Amino acid sequence: MGDFPKPIKIKIFYDEELKKITEKNLEEAVVSMGITFVDQLYFIFSSHPEIPKKYPPGKLGFLLNNRPPKEFDVLQDGDEIFFKIV
């Protein structure tokens, strides 16, 4: 049997406008070690398809641990992602 990637926990915060869609200002996610920011973004948009429908590219701002993320930043245990309308 192969080894599975170790799970890590991250926190995802939503601003007041996005909270109207997600119905929460914070959610914790357990994801596989090695997941990139862009992959996690895809999962969030899959879980909340209203977000990309209502807010096209350029309307959303993101922070990863209080700094702008790069597309292929690899998430670490305890990371925090902040979503806001810009």
N, C-alpha and C. Protein backbone atom coordinates (compact mmCIF):
# COMPACT_ATOMS: atom_id res chain seq x y z
N MET A 1 0.84 -1.20 0.00
CA MET A 1 0.00 0.00 0.00
C MET A 1 0.88 1.25 0.00
N GLY A 2 0.45 2.24 -0.77
CA GLY A 2 1.19 3.48 -0.81
C GLY A 2 0.85 4.38 0.37
N ASP A 3 1.75 5.28 0.64
CA ASP A 3 1.49 6.25 1.71
C ASP A 3 0.62 7.36 1.18
N PHE A 4 -0.32 7.78 1.98
CA PHE A 4 -1.18 8.90 1.62
C PHE A 4 -0.58 10.18 2.18
N PRO A 5 -0.79 11.33 1.49
CA PRO A 5 -0.30 12.59 2.04
C PRO A 5 -0.92 12.85 3.42
N LYS A 6 -0.12 13.41 4.29
CA LYS A 6 -0.60 13.74 5.63
C LYS A 6 -1.63 14.87 5.55
N PRO A 7 -2.72 14.77 6.29
CA PRO A 7 -3.70 15.86 6.27
C PRO A 7 -3.20 17.06 7.09
N ILE A 8 -3.56 18.23 6.61
CA ILE A 8 -3.27 19.47 7.33
C ILE A 8 -4.57 20.25 7.49
N LYS A 9 -4.59 21.16 8.46
CA LYS A 9 -5.76 22.02 8.67
C LYS A 9 -5.42 23.44 8.28
N ILE A 10 -6.37 24.06 7.56
CA ILE A 10 -6.24 25.48 7.22
C ILE A 10 -7.54 26.18 7.61
N LYS A 11 -7.46 27.50 7.74
CA LYS A 11 -8.65 28.30 8.04
C LYS A 11 -8.91 29.23 6.86
N ILE A 12 -10.20 29.36 6.53
CA ILE A 12 -10.61 30.22 5.43
C ILE A 12 -11.58 31.26 6.00
N PHE A 13 -11.23 32.53 5.86
CA PHE A 13 -12.04 33.63 6.38
C PHE A 13 -12.70 34.36 5.21
N TYR A 14 -13.96 34.76 5.41
CA TYR A 14 -14.71 35.49 4.39
C TYR A 14 -15.12 36.85 4.94
N ASP A 15 -15.07 37.88 4.09
CA ASP A 15 -15.53 39.20 4.52
C ASP A 15 -17.06 39.21 4.60
N GLU A 16 -17.62 40.33 5.01
CA GLU A 16 -19.07 40.43 5.24
C GLU A 16 -19.89 40.13 3.99
N GLU A 17 -19.44 40.58 2.82
CA GLU A 17 -20.19 40.33 1.59
C GLU A 17 -20.17 38.84 1.22
N LEU A 18 -19.01 38.22 1.35
CA LEU A 18 -18.92 36.79 1.01
C LEU A 18 -19.63 35.93 2.05
N LYS A 19 -19.71 36.43 3.26
CA LYS A 19 -20.43 35.70 4.32
C LYS A 19 -21.91 35.54 3.94
N LYS A 20 -22.44 36.49 3.18
CA LYS A 20 -23.83 36.39 2.73
C LYS A 20 -24.02 35.17 1.82
N ILE A 21 -22.97 34.77 1.12
CA ILE A 21 -23.03 33.60 0.25
C ILE A 21 -22.69 32.32 1.03
N THR A 22 -21.60 32.36 1.78
CA THR A 22 -21.12 31.16 2.46
C THR A 22 -21.89 30.86 3.75
N GLU A 23 -22.56 31.89 4.27
CA GLU A 23 -23.29 31.81 5.55
C GLU A 23 -22.36 31.55 6.72
N LYS A 24 -21.09 31.90 6.57
CA LYS A 24 -20.13 31.81 7.67
C LYS A 24 -18.98 32.75 7.38
N ASN A 25 -18.36 33.23 8.44
CA ASN A 25 -17.21 34.10 8.23
C ASN A 25 -15.90 33.33 8.34
N LEU A 26 -15.98 32.07 8.79
CA LEU A 26 -14.80 31.23 8.93
C LEU A 26 -15.17 29.78 8.69
N GLU A 27 -14.32 29.09 7.97
CA GLU A 27 -14.47 27.63 7.90
C GLU A 27 -13.08 27.01 7.98
N GLU A 28 -13.03 25.87 8.64
CA GLU A 28 -11.78 25.13 8.72
C GLU A 28 -11.85 23.99 7.72
N ALA A 29 -10.76 23.75 7.05
CA ALA A 29 -10.71 22.68 6.06
C ALA A 29 -9.54 21.76 6.38
N VAL A 30 -9.77 20.49 6.20
CA VAL A 30 -8.70 19.49 6.30
C VAL A 30 -8.37 19.09 4.87
N VAL A 31 -7.14 19.35 4.48
CA VAL A 31 -6.70 19.10 3.10
C VAL A 31 -5.42 18.28 3.11
N SER A 32 -5.04 17.77 1.98
CA SER A 32 -3.81 16.98 1.87
C SER A 32 -2.59 17.88 1.85
N MET A 33 -1.55 17.46 2.56
CA MET A 33 -0.28 18.16 2.51
C MET A 33 0.16 18.24 1.06
N GLY A 34 0.68 19.38 0.65
CA GLY A 34 1.16 19.56 -0.71
C GLY A 34 0.16 20.27 -1.62
N ILE A 35 -1.06 20.53 -1.13
CA ILE A 35 -2.05 21.23 -1.95
C ILE A 35 -1.59 22.67 -2.17
N THR A 36 -1.84 23.17 -3.37
CA THR A 36 -1.44 24.54 -3.67
C THR A 36 -2.62 25.49 -3.43
N PHE A 37 -2.29 26.78 -3.35
CA PHE A 37 -3.32 27.80 -3.16
C PHE A 37 -4.37 27.72 -4.27
N VAL A 38 -3.94 27.61 -5.51
CA VAL A 38 -4.88 27.61 -6.63
C VAL A 38 -5.78 26.38 -6.58
N ASP A 39 -5.25 25.23 -6.14
CA ASP A 39 -6.10 24.04 -6.00
C ASP A 39 -7.15 24.26 -4.91
N GLN A 40 -6.75 24.85 -3.80
CA GLN A 40 -7.70 25.11 -2.72
C GLN A 40 -8.75 26.12 -3.17
N LEU A 41 -8.35 27.11 -3.94
CA LEU A 41 -9.28 28.08 -4.49
C LEU A 41 -10.33 27.38 -5.36
N TYR A 42 -9.90 26.43 -6.17
CA TYR A 42 -10.83 25.66 -7.00
C TYR A 42 -11.85 24.93 -6.12
N PHE A 43 -11.38 24.31 -5.02
CA PHE A 43 -12.29 23.59 -4.13
C PHE A 43 -13.29 24.54 -3.47
N ILE A 44 -12.83 25.72 -3.10
CA ILE A 44 -13.73 26.71 -2.48
C ILE A 44 -14.79 27.14 -3.49
N PHE A 45 -14.37 27.43 -4.72
CA PHE A 45 -15.33 27.84 -5.74
C PHE A 45 -16.28 26.70 -6.10
N SER A 46 -15.82 25.47 -6.01
CA SER A 46 -16.70 24.32 -6.25
C SER A 46 -17.74 24.19 -5.14
N SER A 47 -17.33 24.48 -3.90
CA SER A 47 -18.25 24.40 -2.76
C SER A 47 -19.22 25.57 -2.73
N HIS A 48 -18.79 26.71 -3.24
CA HIS A 48 -19.60 27.94 -3.23
C HIS A 48 -19.61 28.53 -4.65
N PRO A 49 -20.28 27.87 -5.62
CA PRO A 49 -20.24 28.33 -7.01
C PRO A 49 -20.83 29.73 -7.22
N GLU A 50 -21.59 30.21 -6.25
CA GLU A 50 -22.16 31.56 -6.38
C GLU A 50 -21.06 32.62 -6.33
N ILE A 51 -19.95 32.32 -5.65
CA ILE A 51 -18.88 33.33 -5.52
C ILE A 51 -18.33 33.70 -6.89
N PRO A 52 -17.81 32.76 -7.70
CA PRO A 52 -17.27 33.19 -9.00
C PRO A 52 -18.34 33.68 -9.97
N LYS A 53 -19.60 33.26 -9.78
CA LYS A 53 -20.67 33.78 -10.64
C LYS A 53 -20.94 35.24 -10.35
N LYS A 54 -20.96 35.59 -9.08
CA LYS A 54 -21.29 36.97 -8.68
C LYS A 54 -20.08 37.90 -8.77
N TYR A 55 -18.88 37.36 -8.54
CA TYR A 55 -17.67 38.18 -8.51
C TYR A 55 -16.66 37.65 -9.53
N PRO A 56 -16.62 38.25 -10.72
CA PRO A 56 -15.70 37.80 -11.77
C PRO A 56 -14.24 38.09 -11.38
N PRO A 57 -13.28 37.53 -12.14
CA PRO A 57 -11.87 37.79 -11.85
C PRO A 57 -11.59 39.29 -11.70
N GLY A 58 -10.81 39.61 -10.72
CA GLY A 58 -10.47 41.01 -10.44
C GLY A 58 -11.33 41.63 -9.36
N LYS A 59 -12.43 40.98 -9.00
CA LYS A 59 -13.32 41.51 -7.96
C LYS A 59 -13.04 40.91 -6.59
N LEU A 60 -12.27 39.81 -6.56
CA LEU A 60 -11.95 39.16 -5.29
C LEU A 60 -10.50 39.41 -4.93
N GLY A 61 -10.27 39.64 -3.65
CA GLY A 61 -8.90 39.77 -3.15
C GLY A 61 -8.60 38.61 -2.21
N PHE A 62 -7.36 38.19 -2.19
CA PHE A 62 -6.96 37.05 -1.37
C PHE A 62 -5.69 37.39 -0.60
N LEU A 63 -5.62 36.88 0.61
CA LEU A 63 -4.39 36.94 1.39
C LEU A 63 -4.13 35.55 1.94
N LEU A 64 -2.89 35.15 1.93
CA LEU A 64 -2.46 33.90 2.54
C LEU A 64 -1.50 34.28 3.65
N ASN A 65 -1.95 34.08 4.88
CA ASN A 65 -1.14 34.48 6.04
C ASN A 65 -0.73 35.96 5.96
N ASN A 66 -1.70 36.79 5.61
CA ASN A 66 -1.55 38.25 5.56
C ASN A 66 -0.63 38.76 4.46
N ARG A 67 -0.44 37.97 3.42
CA ARG A 67 0.34 38.45 2.27
C ARG A 67 -0.33 37.95 0.99
N PRO A 68 -0.16 38.65 -0.11
CA PRO A 68 -0.75 38.18 -1.37
C PRO A 68 -0.16 36.81 -1.74
N PRO A 69 -1.01 35.85 -2.04
CA PRO A 69 -0.49 34.52 -2.40
C PRO A 69 -0.03 34.45 -3.84
N LYS A 70 0.87 33.53 -4.08
CA LYS A 70 1.24 33.18 -5.45
C LYS A 70 0.41 31.96 -5.81
N GLU A 71 0.11 31.80 -7.06
CA GLU A 71 -0.77 30.74 -7.54
C GLU A 71 -0.35 29.35 -7.02
N PHE A 72 0.94 29.09 -7.04
CA PHE A 72 1.41 27.75 -6.69
C PHE A 72 2.06 27.67 -5.31
N ASP A 73 1.72 28.63 -4.42
CA ASP A 73 2.15 28.51 -3.03
C ASP A 73 1.58 27.21 -2.46
N VAL A 74 2.42 26.43 -1.80
CA VAL A 74 1.97 25.19 -1.18
C VAL A 74 1.49 25.52 0.23
N LEU A 75 0.26 25.09 0.53
CA LEU A 75 -0.32 25.38 1.84
C LEU A 75 0.33 24.52 2.92
N GLN A 76 0.44 25.11 4.11
CA GLN A 76 1.04 24.45 5.26
C GLN A 76 0.00 24.35 6.38
N ASP A 77 0.22 23.44 7.30
CA ASP A 77 -0.67 23.27 8.44
C ASP A 77 -0.79 24.61 9.19
N GLY A 78 -2.01 25.03 9.45
CA GLY A 78 -2.25 26.26 10.19
C GLY A 78 -2.36 27.51 9.33
N ASP A 79 -2.20 27.38 8.02
CA ASP A 79 -2.31 28.56 7.15
C ASP A 79 -3.70 29.16 7.23
N GLU A 80 -3.75 30.46 6.95
CA GLU A 80 -5.02 31.20 6.95
C GLU A 80 -5.18 31.92 5.63
N ILE A 81 -6.34 31.69 5.01
CA ILE A 81 -6.67 32.35 3.74
C ILE A 81 -7.80 33.34 4.01
N PHE A 82 -7.62 34.57 3.56
CA PHE A 82 -8.62 35.62 3.73
C PHE A 82 -9.16 36.01 2.35
N PHE A 83 -10.51 36.00 2.21
CA PHE A 83 -11.16 36.38 0.97
C PHE A 83 -11.92 37.67 1.21
N LYS A 84 -11.82 38.60 0.26
CA LYS A 84 -12.56 39.85 0.39
C LYS A 84 -12.93 40.36 -0.99
N ILE A 85 -13.94 41.20 -1.02
CA ILE A 85 -14.34 41.88 -2.25
C ILE A 85 -13.47 43.12 -2.36
N VAL A 86 -12.91 43.35 -3.55
CA VAL A 86 -12.07 44.54 -3.74
C VAL A 86 -12.76 45.56 -4.61
